[in-house]
PDB file of N, CA and C in Angstrom:
ATOM      1  N   MET A   1    -114.176  68.841 -63.639  1.00  0.00           N
ATOM      2  CA  MET A   1    -113.154  67.901 -62.884  1.00  0.00           C
ATOM      3  C   MET A   1    -112.347  67.104 -63.637  1.00  0.00           C
ATOM      4  N   ALA A   2    -112.837  66.670 -64.967  1.00  0.00           N
ATOM      5  CA  ALA A   2    -111.766  66.027 -65.915  1.00  0.00           C
ATOM      6  C   ALA A   2    -110.661  66.887 -66.386  1.00  0.00           C
ATOM      7  N   GLU A   3    -110.868  67.992 -66.596  1.00  0.00           N
ATOM      8  CA  GLU A   3    -109.652  69.000 -66.777  1.00  0.00           C
ATOM      9  C   GLU A   3    -108.599  68.896 -65.931  1.00  0.00           C
ATOM     10  N   ILE A   4    -109.250  69.067 -64.548  1.00  0.00           N
ATOM     11  CA  ILE A   4    -108.360  68.979 -63.428  1.00  0.00           C
ATOM     12  C   ILE A   4    -107.361  67.802 -63.377  1.00  0.00           C
ATOM     13  N   ILE A   5    -107.990  66.698 -63.520  1.00  0.00           N
ATOM     14  CA  ILE A   5    -107.269  65.367 -63.383  1.00  0.00           C
ATOM     15  C   ILE A   5    -106.402  65.166 -64.435  1.00  0.00           C
ATOM     16  N   ILE A   6    -106.838  65.654 -65.771  1.00  0.00           N
ATOM     17  CA  ILE A   6    -105.909  65.481 -67.041  1.00  0.00           C
ATOM     18  C   ILE A   6    -104.792  66.333 -66.906  1.00  0.00           C
ATOM     19  N   LYS A   7    -104.965  67.407 -66.414  1.00  0.00           N
ATOM     20  CA  LYS A   7    -103.859  68.502 -66.200  1.00  0.00           C
ATOM     21  C   LYS A   7    -102.785  67.962 -65.221  1.00  0.00           C
ATOM     22  N   ALA A   8    -103.536  67.234 -64.152  1.00  0.00           N
ATOM     23  CA  ALA A   8    -102.538  66.776 -62.940  1.00  0.00           C
ATOM     24  C   ALA A   8    -101.582  65.562 -63.546  1.00  0.00           C
ATOM     25  N   TYR A   9    -101.945  64.741 -64.511  1.00  0.00           N
ATOM     26  CA  TYR A   9    -101.119  63.811 -65.150  1.00  0.00           C
ATOM     27  C   TYR A   9    -100.565  64.105 -66.509  1.00  0.00           C
ATOM     28  N   ASP A  10    -101.004  65.212 -67.021  1.00  0.00           N
ATOM     29  CA  ASP A  10    -100.351  65.416 -68.270  1.00  0.00           C
ATOM     30  C   ASP A  10    -100.158  67.135 -68.086  1.00  0.00           C
ATOM     31  N   ASP A  11     -99.233  67.393 -67.030  1.00  0.00           N
ATOM     32  CA  ASP A  11     -98.972  68.677 -66.566  1.00  0.00           C
ATOM     33  C   ASP A  11     -98.085  69.377 -67.478  1.00  0.00           C
ATOM     34  N   PRO A  12     -98.128  70.812 -67.483  1.00  0.00           N
ATOM     35  CA  PRO A  12     -97.199  71.609 -68.248  1.00  0.00           C
ATOM     36  C   PRO A  12     -95.767  71.469 -67.963  1.00  0.00           C
ATOM     37  N   TYR A  13     -95.544  70.968 -66.901  1.00  0.00           N
ATOM     38  CA  TYR A  13     -94.111  70.899 -66.441  1.00  0.00           C
ATOM     39  C   TYR A  13     -93.565  69.570 -66.771  1.00  0.00           C
ATOM     40  N   GLY A  14     -94.434  68.577 -67.272  1.00  0.00           N
ATOM     41  CA  GLY A  14     -93.915  67.146 -67.605  1.00  0.00           C
ATOM     42  C   GLY A  14     -93.539  66.260 -66.451  1.00  0.00           C
ATOM     43  N   GLN A  15     -94.080  66.552 -65.147  1.00  0.00           N
ATOM     44  CA  GLN A  15     -93.705  65.842 -64.116  1.00  0.00           C
ATOM     45  C   GLN A  15     -94.000  64.221 -64.357  1.00  0.00           C
ATOM     46  N   THR A  16     -95.311  63.819 -64.750  1.00  0.00           N
ATOM     47  CA  THR A  16     -95.613  62.574 -64.978  1.00  0.00           C
ATOM     48  C   THR A  16     -94.762  61.855 -66.047  1.00  0.00           C
ATOM     49  N   ARG A  17     -94.476  62.607 -67.168  1.00  0.00           N
ATOM     50  CA  ARG A  17     -93.722  62.271 -68.265  1.00  0.00           C
ATOM     51  C   ARG A  17     -92.385  62.023 -67.806  1.00  0.00           C
ATOM     52  N   LYS A  18     -91.761  62.936 -66.936  1.00  0.00           N
ATOM     53  CA  LYS A  18     -90.375  62.503 -66.444  1.00  0.00           C
ATOM     54  C   LYS A  18     -90.452  61.175 -65.422  1.00  0.00           C
ATOM     55  N   PHE A  19     -91.475  61.183 -64.628  1.00  0.00           N
ATOM     56  CA  PHE A  19     -91.612  60.011 -63.693  1.00  0.00           C
ATOM     57  C   PHE A  19     -91.486  58.618 -64.681  1.00  0.00           C
ATOM     58  N   ASN A  20     -92.412  58.678 -65.563  1.00  0.00           N
ATOM     59  CA  ASN A  20     -92.585  57.455 -66.449  1.00  0.00           C
ATOM     60  C   ASN A  20     -91.286  57.167 -67.266  1.00  0.00           C
ATOM     61  N   LEU A  21     -90.623  58.123 -67.796  1.00  0.00           N
ATOM     62  CA  LEU A  21     -89.485  57.969 -68.531  1.00  0.00           C
ATOM     63  C   LEU A  21     -88.243  57.416 -67.399  1.00  0.00           C
ATOM     64  N   ASN A  22     -88.652  57.930 -66.188  1.00  0.00           N
ATOM     65  CA  ASN A  22     -87.387  57.255 -65.330  1.00  0.00           C
ATOM     66  C   ASN A  22     -87.408  55.735 -65.244  1.00  0.00           C
ATOM     67  N   HIS A  23     -88.539  55.251 -65.369  1.00  0.00           N
ATOM     68  CA  HIS A  23     -88.522  53.834 -65.313  1.00  0.00           C
ATOM     69  C   HIS A  23     -87.624  53.189 -66.496  1.00  0.00           C
ATOM     70  N   LEU A  24     -87.831  53.855 -67.719  1.00  0.00           N
ATOM     71  CA  LEU A  24     -86.904  53.360 -68.620  1.00  0.00           C
ATOM     72  C   LEU A  24     -85.489  53.559 -68.413  1.00  0.00           C
ATOM     73  N   ALA A  25     -85.168  54.625 -67.945  1.00  0.00           N
ATOM     74  CA  ALA A  25     -83.827  55.061 -67.431  1.00  0.00           C
ATOM     75  C   ALA A  25     -83.137  54.047 -66.289  1.00  0.00           C
ATOM     76  N   ARG A  26     -84.090  53.741 -65.495  1.00  0.00           N
ATOM     77  CA  ARG A  26     -83.807  52.771 -64.367  1.00  0.00           C
ATOM     78  C   ARG A  26     -83.524  51.316 -65.059  1.00  0.00           C
ATOM     79  N   LEU A  27     -84.044  50.955 -66.013  1.00  0.00           N
ATOM     80  CA  LEU A  27     -83.931  49.544 -66.786  1.00  0.00           C
ATOM     81  C   LEU A  27     -82.759  49.742 -67.320  1.00  0.00           C
ATOM     82  N   ASN A  28     -82.292  50.936 -67.973  1.00  0.00           N
ATOM     83  CA  ASN A  28     -80.923  51.062 -68.554  1.00  0.00           C
ATOM     84  C   ASN A  28     -79.953  50.954 -67.601  1.00  0.00           C
ATOM     85  N   SER A  29     -80.042  51.464 -66.469  1.00  0.00           N
ATOM     86  CA  SER A  29     -78.808  51.481 -65.489  1.00  0.00           C
ATOM     87  C   SER A  29     -78.961  50.285 -64.624  1.00  0.00           C
ATOM     88  N   GLU A  30     -80.023  49.664 -64.502  1.00  0.00           N
ATOM     89  CA  GLU A  30     -79.995  48.562 -63.490  1.00  0.00           C
ATOM     90  C   GLU A  30     -80.136  47.108 -64.213  1.00  0.00           C
ATOM     91  N   LEU A  31     -80.687  47.166 -65.344  1.00  0.00           N
ATOM     92  CA  LEU A  31     -80.730  46.020 -66.143  1.00  0.00           C
ATOM     93  C   LEU A  31     -79.880  46.060 -67.450  1.00  0.00           C
ATOM     94  N   ASP A  32     -78.948  47.049 -67.701  1.00  0.00           N
ATOM     95  CA  ASP A  32     -78.117  47.158 -68.808  1.00  0.00           C
ATOM     96  C   ASP A  32     -78.804  47.131 -70.069  1.00  0.00           C
ATOM     97  N   ALA A  33     -80.200  47.927 -70.053  1.00  0.00           N
ATOM     98  CA  ALA A  33     -80.923  48.128 -71.247  1.00  0.00           C
ATOM     99  C   ALA A  33     -80.511  49.158 -72.099  1.00  0.00           C
ATOM    100  N   ASP A  34     -80.913  49.436 -73.144  1.00  0.00           N
ATOM    101  CA  ASP A  34     -80.437  50.607 -74.011  1.00  0.00           C
ATOM    102  C   ASP A  34     -81.651  51.199 -74.699  1.00  0.00           C
ATOM    103  N   PHE A  35     -82.661  51.594 -73.860  1.00  0.00           N
ATOM    104  CA  PHE A  35     -83.829  52.387 -74.154  1.00  0.00           C
ATOM    105  C   PHE A  35     -83.205  53.794 -74.548  1.00  0.00           C
ATOM    106  N   ASN A  36     -83.719  54.376 -75.586  1.00  0.00           N
ATOM    107  CA  ASN A  36     -83.513  55.643 -76.133  1.00  0.00           C
ATOM    108  C   ASN A  36     -84.714  56.423 -75.483  1.00  0.00           C
ATOM    109  N   LEU A  37     -84.599  57.329 -74.445  1.00  0.00           N
ATOM    110  CA  LEU A  37     -85.680  57.968 -73.945  1.00  0.00           C
ATOM    111  C   LEU A  37     -86.420  59.071 -75.028  1.00  0.00           C
ATOM    112  N   THR A  38     -85.603  59.508 -75.916  1.00  0.00           N
ATOM    113  CA  THR A  38     -85.964  60.538 -76.777  1.00  0.00           C
ATOM    114  C   THR A  38     -86.890  59.889 -77.672  1.00  0.00           C
ATOM    115  N   LYS A  39     -86.834  58.556 -77.882  1.00  0.00           N
ATOM    116  CA  LYS A  39     -87.862  57.780 -78.885  1.00  0.00           C
ATOM    117  C   LYS A  39     -89.283  57.480 -78.319  1.00  0.00           C
ATOM    118  N   PHE A  40     -89.524  57.935 -77.184  1.00  0.00           N
ATOM    119  CA  PHE A  40     -90.819  57.683 -76.424  1.00  0.00           C
ATOM    120  C   PHE A  40     -91.449  59.019 -76.244  1.00  0.00           C
ATOM    121  N   GLU A  41     -92.845  59.056 -76.188  1.00  0.00           N
ATOM    122  CA  GLU A  41     -93.627  60.183 -75.762  1.00  0.00           C
ATOM    123  C   GLU A  41     -94.718  59.813 -74.920  1.00  0.00           C
ATOM    124  N   HIS A  42     -94.925  60.721 -74.001  1.00  0.00           N
ATOM    125  CA  HIS A  42     -96.071  60.407 -72.846  1.00  0.00           C
ATOM    126  C   HIS A  42     -97.471  60.833 -73.331  1.00  0.00           C
ATOM    127  N   HIS A  43     -98.352  59.849 -73.117  1.00  0.00           N
ATOM    128  CA  HIS A  43     -99.570  60.305 -73.473  1.00  0.00           C
ATOM    129  C   HIS A  43    -100.611  59.712 -72.284  1.00  0.00           C
ATOM    130  N   THR A  44    -101.646  60.280 -72.122  1.00  0.00           N
ATOM    131  CA  THR A  44    -102.730  59.977 -70.992  1.00  0.00           C
ATOM    132  C   THR A  44    -104.038  59.782 -71.496  1.00  0.00           C
ATOM    133  N   THR A  45    -105.044  59.101 -70.926  1.00  0.00           N
ATOM    134  CA  THR A  45    -106.261  58.805 -71.380  1.00  0.00           C
ATOM    135  C   THR A  45    -106.960  59.084 -69.939  1.00  0.00           C
ATOM    136  N   TYR A  46    -108.319  59.626 -70.007  1.00  0.00           N
ATOM    137  CA  TYR A  46    -109.030  59.643 -68.923  1.00  0.00           C
ATOM    138  C   TYR A  46    -110.575  59.415 -69.233  1.00  0.00           C
ATOM    139  N   SER A  47    -111.104  58.587 -68.365  1.00  0.00           N
ATOM    140  CA  SER A  47    -112.760  58.182 -68.653  1.00  0.00           C
ATOM    141  C   SER A  47    -113.479  58.718 -67.469  1.00  0.00           C
ATOM    142  N   PRO A  48    -114.126  59.708 -67.636  1.00  0.00           N
ATOM    143  CA  PRO A  48    -114.895  60.267 -66.468  1.00  0.00           C
ATOM    144  C   PRO A  48    -116.034  59.211 -65.860  1.00  0.00           C
ATOM    145  N   VAL A  49    -116.272  58.323 -66.792  1.00  0.00           N
ATOM    146  CA  VAL A  49    -117.355  57.200 -66.342  1.00  0.00           C
ATOM    147  C   VAL A  49    -116.712  56.385 -65.413  1.00  0.00           C
ATOM    148  N   SER A  50    -115.412  55.821 -65.658  1.00  0.00           N
ATOM    149  CA  SER A  50    -114.995  54.773 -64.685  1.00  0.00           C
ATOM    150  C   SER A  50    -114.082  55.631 -63.694  1.00  0.00           C
ATOM    151  N   GLY A  51    -113.538  56.811 -63.977  1.00  0.00           N
ATOM    152  CA  GLY A  51    -112.642  57.470 -63.141  1.00  0.00           C
ATOM    153  C   GLY A  51    -111.252  57.078 -63.362  1.00  0.00           C
ATOM    154  N   TYR A  52    -110.945  56.160 -64.328  1.00  0.00           N
ATOM    155  CA  TYR A  52    -109.610  55.844 -64.463  1.00  0.00           C
ATOM    156  C   TYR A  52    -108.923  56.763 -65.389  1.00  0.00           C
ATOM    157  N   LEU A  53    -107.707  57.112 -64.946  1.00  0.00           N
ATOM    158  CA  LEU A  53    -106.530  57.675 -65.734  1.00  0.00           C
ATOM    159  C   LEU A  53    -105.515  56.722 -66.104  1.00  0.00           C
ATOM    160  N   LYS A  54    -105.096  56.665 -67.298  1.00  0.00           N
ATOM    161  CA  LYS A  54    -104.126  55.675 -67.728  1.00  0.00           C
ATOM    162  C   LYS A  54    -102.931  56.486 -68.417  1.00  0.00           C
ATOM    163  N   SER A  55    -101.651  56.298 -67.971  1.00  0.00           N
ATOM    164  CA  SER A  55    -100.640  56.882 -68.571  1.00  0.00           C
ATOM    165  C   SER A  55     -99.794  55.915 -69.485  1.00  0.00           C
ATOM    166  N   TYR A  56     -99.264  56.226 -70.546  1.00  0.00           N
ATOM    167  CA  TYR A  56     -98.566  55.533 -71.463  1.00  0.00           C
ATOM    168  C   TYR A  56     -97.286  56.149 -71.957  1.00  0.00           C
ATOM    169  N   LEU A  57     -96.260  55.408 -72.284  1.00  0.00           N
ATOM    170  CA  LEU A  57     -95.341  55.922 -73.103  1.00  0.00           C
ATOM    171  C   LEU A  57     -95.479  55.262 -74.621  1.00  0.00           C
ATOM    172  N   VAL A  58     -95.319  55.968 -75.564  1.00  0.00           N
ATOM    173  CA  VAL A  58     -95.662  55.405 -76.909  1.00  0.00           C
ATOM    174  C   VAL A  58     -94.317  55.690 -77.614  1.00  0.00           C
ATOM    175  N   SER A  59     -93.948  54.678 -78.403  1.00  0.00           N
ATOM    176  CA  SER A  59     -92.868  54.486 -79.273  1.00  0.00           C
ATOM    177  C   SER A  59     -92.991  55.528 -80.271  1.00  0.00           C
ATOM    178  N   LYS A  60     -92.194  56.436 -80.652  1.00  0.00           N
ATOM    179  CA  LYS A  60     -92.138  57.289 -81.827  1.00  0.00           C
ATOM    180  C   LYS A  60     -91.858  56.714 -82.924  1.00  0.00           C
ATOM    181  N   GLU A  61     -91.124  55.546 -82.936  1.00  0.00           N
ATOM    182  CA  GLU A  61     -90.719  54.906 -84.337  1.00  0.00           C
ATOM    183  C   GLU A  61     -90.571  53.343 -83.890  1.00  0.00           C
ATOM    184  N   HIS A  62     -90.475  52.627 -85.165  1.00  0.00           N
ATOM    185  CA  HIS A  62     -89.921  51.325 -84.859  1.00  0.00           C
ATOM    186  C   HIS A  62     -88.595  51.149 -84.336  1.00  0.00           C
ATOM    187  N   GLN A  63     -88.552  50.361 -83.423  1.00  0.00           N
ATOM    188  CA  GLN A  63     -87.260  50.198 -82.584  1.00  0.00           C
ATOM    189  C   GLN A  63     -87.023  48.902 -81.963  1.00  0.00           C
ATOM    190  N   THR A  64     -85.889  48.651 -81.592  1.00  0.00           N
ATOM    191  CA  THR A  64     -85.688  47.365 -80.970  1.00  0.00           C
ATOM    192  C   THR A  64     -84.679  47.738 -79.761  1.00  0.00           C
ATOM    193  N   VAL A  65     -85.148  47.218 -78.635  1.00  0.00           N
ATOM    194  CA  VAL A  65     -84.389  47.579 -77.316  1.00  0.00           C
ATOM    195  C   VAL A  65     -83.756  46.254 -76.829  1.00  0.00           C
ATOM    196  N   ASN A  66     -82.456  46.392 -76.326  1.00  0.00           N
ATOM    197  CA  ASN A  66     -81.783  45.094 -75.780  1.00  0.00           C
ATOM    198  C   ASN A  66     -81.712  45.269 -74.140  1.00  0.00           C
ATOM    199  N   ILE A  67     -82.210  44.555 -73.638  1.00  0.00           N
ATOM    200  CA  ILE A  67     -82.044  44.372 -72.258  1.00  0.00           C
ATOM    201  C   ILE A  67     -81.105  43.142 -71.927  1.00  0.00           C
ATOM    202  N   ARG A  68     -79.775  43.608 -71.730  1.00  0.00           N
ATOM    203  CA  ARG A  68     -78.714  42.677 -71.869  1.00  0.00           C
ATOM    204  C   ARG A  68     -78.669  41.634 -70.690  1.00  0.00           C
ATOM    205  N   SER A  69     -79.107  42.077 -69.588  1.00  0.00           N
ATOM    206  CA  SER A  69     -79.216  41.384 -68.374  1.00  0.00           C
ATOM    207  C   SER A  69     -80.112  40.039 -68.533  1.00  0.00           C
ATOM    208  N   LEU A  70     -81.146  40.446 -69.457  1.00  0.00           N
ATOM    209  CA  LEU A  70     -82.101  39.225 -69.742  1.00  0.00           C
ATOM    210  C   LEU A  70     -81.651  38.419 -70.903  1.00  0.00           C
ATOM    211  N   GLY A  71     -80.867  38.935 -71.568  1.00  0.00           N
ATOM    212  CA  GLY A  71     -80.459  38.324 -72.842  1.00  0.00           C
ATOM    213  C   GLY A  71     -81.607  38.459 -73.890  1.00  0.00           C
ATOM    214  N   GLN A  72     -82.459  39.573 -73.723  1.00  0.00           N
ATOM    215  CA  GLN A  72     -83.740  39.572 -74.827  1.00  0.00           C
ATOM    216  C   GLN A  72     -83.644  40.919 -75.373  1.00  0.00           C
ATOM    217  N   LEU A  73     -84.209  40.913 -76.587  1.00  0.00           N
ATOM    218  CA  LEU A  73     -84.575  41.925 -77.463  1.00  0.00           C
ATOM    219  C   LEU A  73     -86.051  42.190 -77.501  1.00  0.00           C
ATOM    220  N   PHE A  74     -86.384  43.389 -77.263  1.00  0.00           N
ATOM    221  CA  PHE A  74     -87.766  43.850 -77.349  1.00  0.00           C
ATOM    222  C   PHE A  74     -88.116  44.819 -78.532  1.00  0.00           C
ATOM    223  N   VAL A  75     -89.025  44.302 -79.280  1.00  0.00           N
ATOM    224  CA  VAL A  75     -89.247  45.091 -80.589  1.00  0.00           C
ATOM    225  C   VAL A  75     -90.410  46.006 -80.293  1.00  0.00           C
ATOM    226  N   PHE A  76     -90.519  47.299 -80.655  1.00  0.00           N
ATOM    227  CA  PHE A  76     -91.581  48.328 -80.457  1.00  0.00           C
ATOM    228  C   PHE A  76     -91.744  48.882 -81.860  1.00  0.00           C
ATOM    229  N   GLU A  77     -93.179  48.902 -82.272  1.00  0.00           N
ATOM    230  CA  GLU A  77     -93.389  49.121 -83.401  1.00  0.00           C
ATOM    231  C   GLU A  77     -93.953  50.831 -83.296  1.00  0.00           C
ATOM    232  N   ARG A  78     -94.007  51.643 -84.179  1.00  0.00           N
ATOM    233  CA  ARG A  78     -94.183  53.004 -84.171  1.00  0.00           C
ATOM    234  C   ARG A  78     -95.797  52.983 -83.632  1.00  0.00           C
ATOM    235  N   TRP A  79     -95.947  54.082 -82.593  1.00  0.00           N
ATOM    236  CA  TRP A  79     -97.297  54.152 -82.080  1.00  0.00           C
ATOM    237  C   TRP A  79     -97.485  53.117 -81.068  1.00  0.00           C
ATOM    238  N   GLU A  80     -96.795  52.299 -80.846  1.00  0.00           N
ATOM    239  CA  GLU A  80     -97.025  51.160 -79.814  1.00  0.00           C
ATOM    240  C   GLU A  80     -96.953  51.662 -78.479  1.00  0.00           C
ATOM    241  N   PRO A  81     -98.082  51.654 -77.684  1.00  0.00           N
ATOM    242  CA  PRO A  81     -98.097  52.041 -76.222  1.00  0.00           C
ATOM    243  C   PRO A  81     -97.600  51.184 -75.250  1.00  0.00           C
ATOM    244  N   VAL A  82     -96.906  51.572 -74.200  1.00  0.00           N
ATOM    245  CA  VAL A  82     -96.344  50.922 -73.030  1.00  0.00           C
ATOM    246  C   VAL A  82     -97.132  51.476 -72.089  1.00  0.00           C
ATOM    247  N   PHE A  83     -98.145  50.437 -71.545  1.00  0.00           N
ATOM    248  CA  PHE A  83     -98.916  50.979 -70.387  1.00  0.00           C
ATOM    249  C   PHE A  83     -97.987  51.288 -69.035  1.00  0.00           C
ATOM    250  N   MET A  84     -98.271  52.370 -68.462  1.00  0.00           N
ATOM    251  CA  MET A  84     -97.318  52.620 -67.294  1.00  0.00           C
ATOM    252  C   MET A  84     -98.099  52.877 -66.120  1.00  0.00           C
ATOM    253  N   GLU A  85     -99.237  53.382 -66.153  1.00  0.00           N
ATOM    254  CA  GLU A  85     -99.724  53.866 -64.832  1.00  0.00           C
ATOM    255  C   GLU A  85    -101.256  53.781 -64.885  1.00  0.00           C
ATOM    256  N   LEU A  86    -101.971  53.439 -63.861  1.00  0.00           N
ATOM    257  CA  LEU A  86    -103.394  53.600 -63.694  1.00  0.00           C
ATOM    258  C   LEU A  86    -103.719  54.220 -62.481  1.00  0.00           C
ATOM    259  N   SER A  87    -104.448  55.242 -62.576  1.00  0.00           N
ATOM    260  CA  SER A  87    -104.940  56.119 -61.501  1.00  0.00           C
ATOM    261  C   SER A  87    -106.471  56.263 -61.265  1.00  0.00           C
ATOM    262  N   ARG A  88    -106.914  56.018 -60.145  1.00  0.00           N
ATOM    263  CA  ARG A  88    -108.424  56.297 -60.192  1.00  0.00           C
ATOM    264  C   ARG A  88    -108.863  57.027 -59.224  1.00  0.00           C
ATOM    265  N   LYS A  89    -109.856  57.951 -59.612  1.00  0.00           N
ATOM    266  CA  LYS A  89    -110.076  59.100 -58.615  1.00  0.00           C
ATOM    267  C   LYS A  89    -111.644  58.738 -58.087  1.00  0.00           C
ATOM    268  N   PHE A  90    -111.861  59.059 -56.935  1.00  0.00           N
ATOM    269  CA  PHE A  90    -113.046  58.723 -56.361  1.00  0.00           C
ATOM    270  C   PHE A  90    -113.763  60.007 -55.817  1.00  0.00           C
ATOM    271  N   ASP A  91    -115.098  60.152 -55.928  1.00  0.00           N
ATOM    272  CA  ASP A  91    -115.688  61.408 -55.238  1.00  0.00           C
ATOM    273  C   ASP A  91    -116.073  60.899 -53.866  1.00  0.00           C
ATOM    274  N   ILE A  92    -116.448  61.778 -52.988  1.00  0.00           N
ATOM    275  CA  ILE A  92    -116.867  61.583 -51.508  1.00  0.00           C
ATOM    276  C   ILE A  92    -117.863  60.519 -51.367  1.00  0.00           C
ATOM    277  N   THR A  93    -118.773  60.590 -52.173  1.00  0.00           N
ATOM    278  CA  THR A  93    -119.898  59.523 -52.019  1.00  0.00           C
ATOM    279  C   THR A  93    -119.422  58.246 -52.145  1.00  0.00           C
ATOM    280  N   THR A  94    -118.559  57.873 -53.357  1.00  0.00           N
ATOM    281  CA  THR A  94    -118.160  56.734 -53.629  1.00  0.00           C
ATOM    282  C   THR A  94    -117.002  56.263 -52.510  1.00  0.00           C
ATOM    283  N   MET A  95    -116.159  57.063 -51.951  1.00  0.00           N
ATOM    284  CA  MET A  95    -115.349  56.765 -51.096  1.00  0.00           C
ATOM    285  C   MET A  95    -116.119  56.327 -49.657  1.00  0.00           C
ATOM    286  N   GLU A  96    -117.250  57.074 -49.380  1.00  0.00           N
ATOM    287  CA  GLU A  96    -118.021  56.634 -48.108  1.00  0.00           C
ATOM    288  C   GLU A  96    -118.750  55.229 -48.390  1.00  0.00           C
ATOM    289  N   SER A  97    -119.121  55.197 -49.596  1.00  0.00           N
ATOM    290  CA  SER A  97    -119.883  53.655 -49.870  1.00  0.00           C
ATOM    291  C   SER A  97    -118.934  52.723 -49.700  1.00  0.00           C
ATOM    292  N   LEU A  98    -117.551  52.780 -50.276  1.00  0.00           N
ATOM    293  CA  LEU A  98    -116.712  51.877 -50.229  1.00  0.00           C
ATOM    294  C   LEU A  98    -116.110  51.570 -48.872  1.00  0.00           C
ATOM    295  N   ALA A  99    -115.941  52.584 -48.149  1.00  0.00           N
ATOM    296  CA  ALA A  99    -115.576  52.294 -46.711  1.00  0.00           C
ATOM    297  C   ALA A  99    -116.625  51.603 -45.917  1.00  0.00           C
ATOM    298  N   PHE A 100    -117.912  52.057 -46.082  1.00  0.00           N
ATOM    299  CA  PHE A 100    -118.992  51.365 -45.296  1.00  0.00           C
ATOM    300  C   PHE A 100    -119.067  49.926 -45.706  1.00  0.00           C
ATOM    301  N   ARG A 101    -118.991  49.695 -46.882  1.00  0.00           N
ATOM    302  CA  ARG A 101    -119.136  48.162 -47.407  1.00  0.00           C
ATOM    303  C   ARG A 101    -118.025  47.320 -46.691  1.00  0.00           C
ATOM    304  N   HIS A 102    -116.879  47.895 -46.664  1.00  0.00           N
ATOM    305  CA  HIS A 102    -115.733  47.251 -46.120  1.00  0.00           C
ATOM    306  C   HIS A 102    -115.361  47.337 -44.707  1.00  0.00           C
ATOM    307  N   GLY A 103    -116.327  47.892 -43.984  1.00  0.00           N
ATOM    308  CA  GLY A 103    -116.285  48.041 -42.439  1.00  0.00           C
ATOM    309  C   GLY A 103    -115.741  49.020 -41.854  1.00  0.00           C
ATOM    310  N   PHE A 104    -115.321  49.984 -42.706  1.00  0.00           N
ATOM    311  CA  PHE A 104    -114.551  51.376 -42.245  1.00  0.00           C
ATOM    312  C   PHE A 104    -115.616  52.377 -42.083  1.00  0.00           C
ATOM    313  N   SER A 105    -115.139  53.587 -41.551  1.00  0.00           N
ATOM    314  CA  SER A 105    -116.094  54.735 -41.433  1.00  0.00           C
ATOM    315  C   SER A 105    -115.073  55.865 -41.687  1.00  0.00           C
ATOM    316  N   ILE A 106    -115.864  56.887 -42.323  1.00  0.00           N
ATOM    317  CA  ILE A 106    -114.963  58.101 -42.606  1.00  0.00           C
ATOM    318  C   ILE A 106    -115.083  59.115 -41.249  1.00  0.00           C
ATOM    319  N   VAL A 107    -113.914  59.478 -40.965  1.00  0.00           N
ATOM    320  CA  VAL A 107    -113.753  60.351 -39.768  1.00  0.00           C
ATOM    321  C   VAL A 107    -113.793  61.991 -40.252  1.00  0.00           C
ATOM    322  N   LYS A 108    -112.904  62.050 -41.200  1.00  0.00           N
ATOM    323  CA  LYS A 108    -113.034  63.454 -41.782  1.00  0.00           C
ATOM    324  C   LYS A 108    -112.413  63.477 -43.273  1.00  0.00           C
ATOM    325  N   HIS A 109    -113.017  64.184 -43.995  1.00  0.00           N
ATOM    326  CA  HIS A 109    -112.509  64.475 -45.429  1.00  0.00           C
ATOM    327  C   HIS A 109    -111.318  65.714 -45.485  1.00  0.00           C
ATOM    328  N   PHE A 110    -110.303  65.476 -46.149  1.00  0.00           N
ATOM    329  CA  PHE A 110    -109.356  66.364 -46.544  1.00  0.00           C
ATOM    330  C   PHE A 110    -109.508  66.861 -47.969  1.00  0.00           C
ATOM    331  N   THR A 111    -109.826  67.962 -48.213  1.00  0.00           N
ATOM    332  CA  THR A 111    -109.957  68.391 -49.653  1.00  0.00           C
ATOM    333  C   THR A 111    -109.310  69.720 -49.941  1.00  0.00           C
ATOM    334  N   ASP A 112    -109.085  70.091 -51.201  1.00  0.00           N
ATOM    335  CA  ASP A 112    -108.399  71.289 -51.428  1.00  0.00           C
ATOM    336  C   ASP A 112    -109.357  72.498 -51.445  1.00  0.00           C
TER     337      ASP A 112
END
């Protein structure tokens, strides 16, 4: 199971990487920032105990980013992570338990 989840968020086509880098691109276009997207790399971590998968963009080098619309500079150290996303996976038993505890019932499960 862990391998499937990790591959989904650290996929060989780089979809999650592109999705997260798009956040920086939007900051560039919408807030007049100057993020250099090539200076960040995508990393994920997964905990099978909690079911949490976390995505980060990590600075490849010491850099300063100017977000002109805010009038602020942001300094990133080499290897400094920027937390981008938290995804939690649930098994069927956990979903049923959560639904029941909160007054819901499961009508049907859709799985692959």
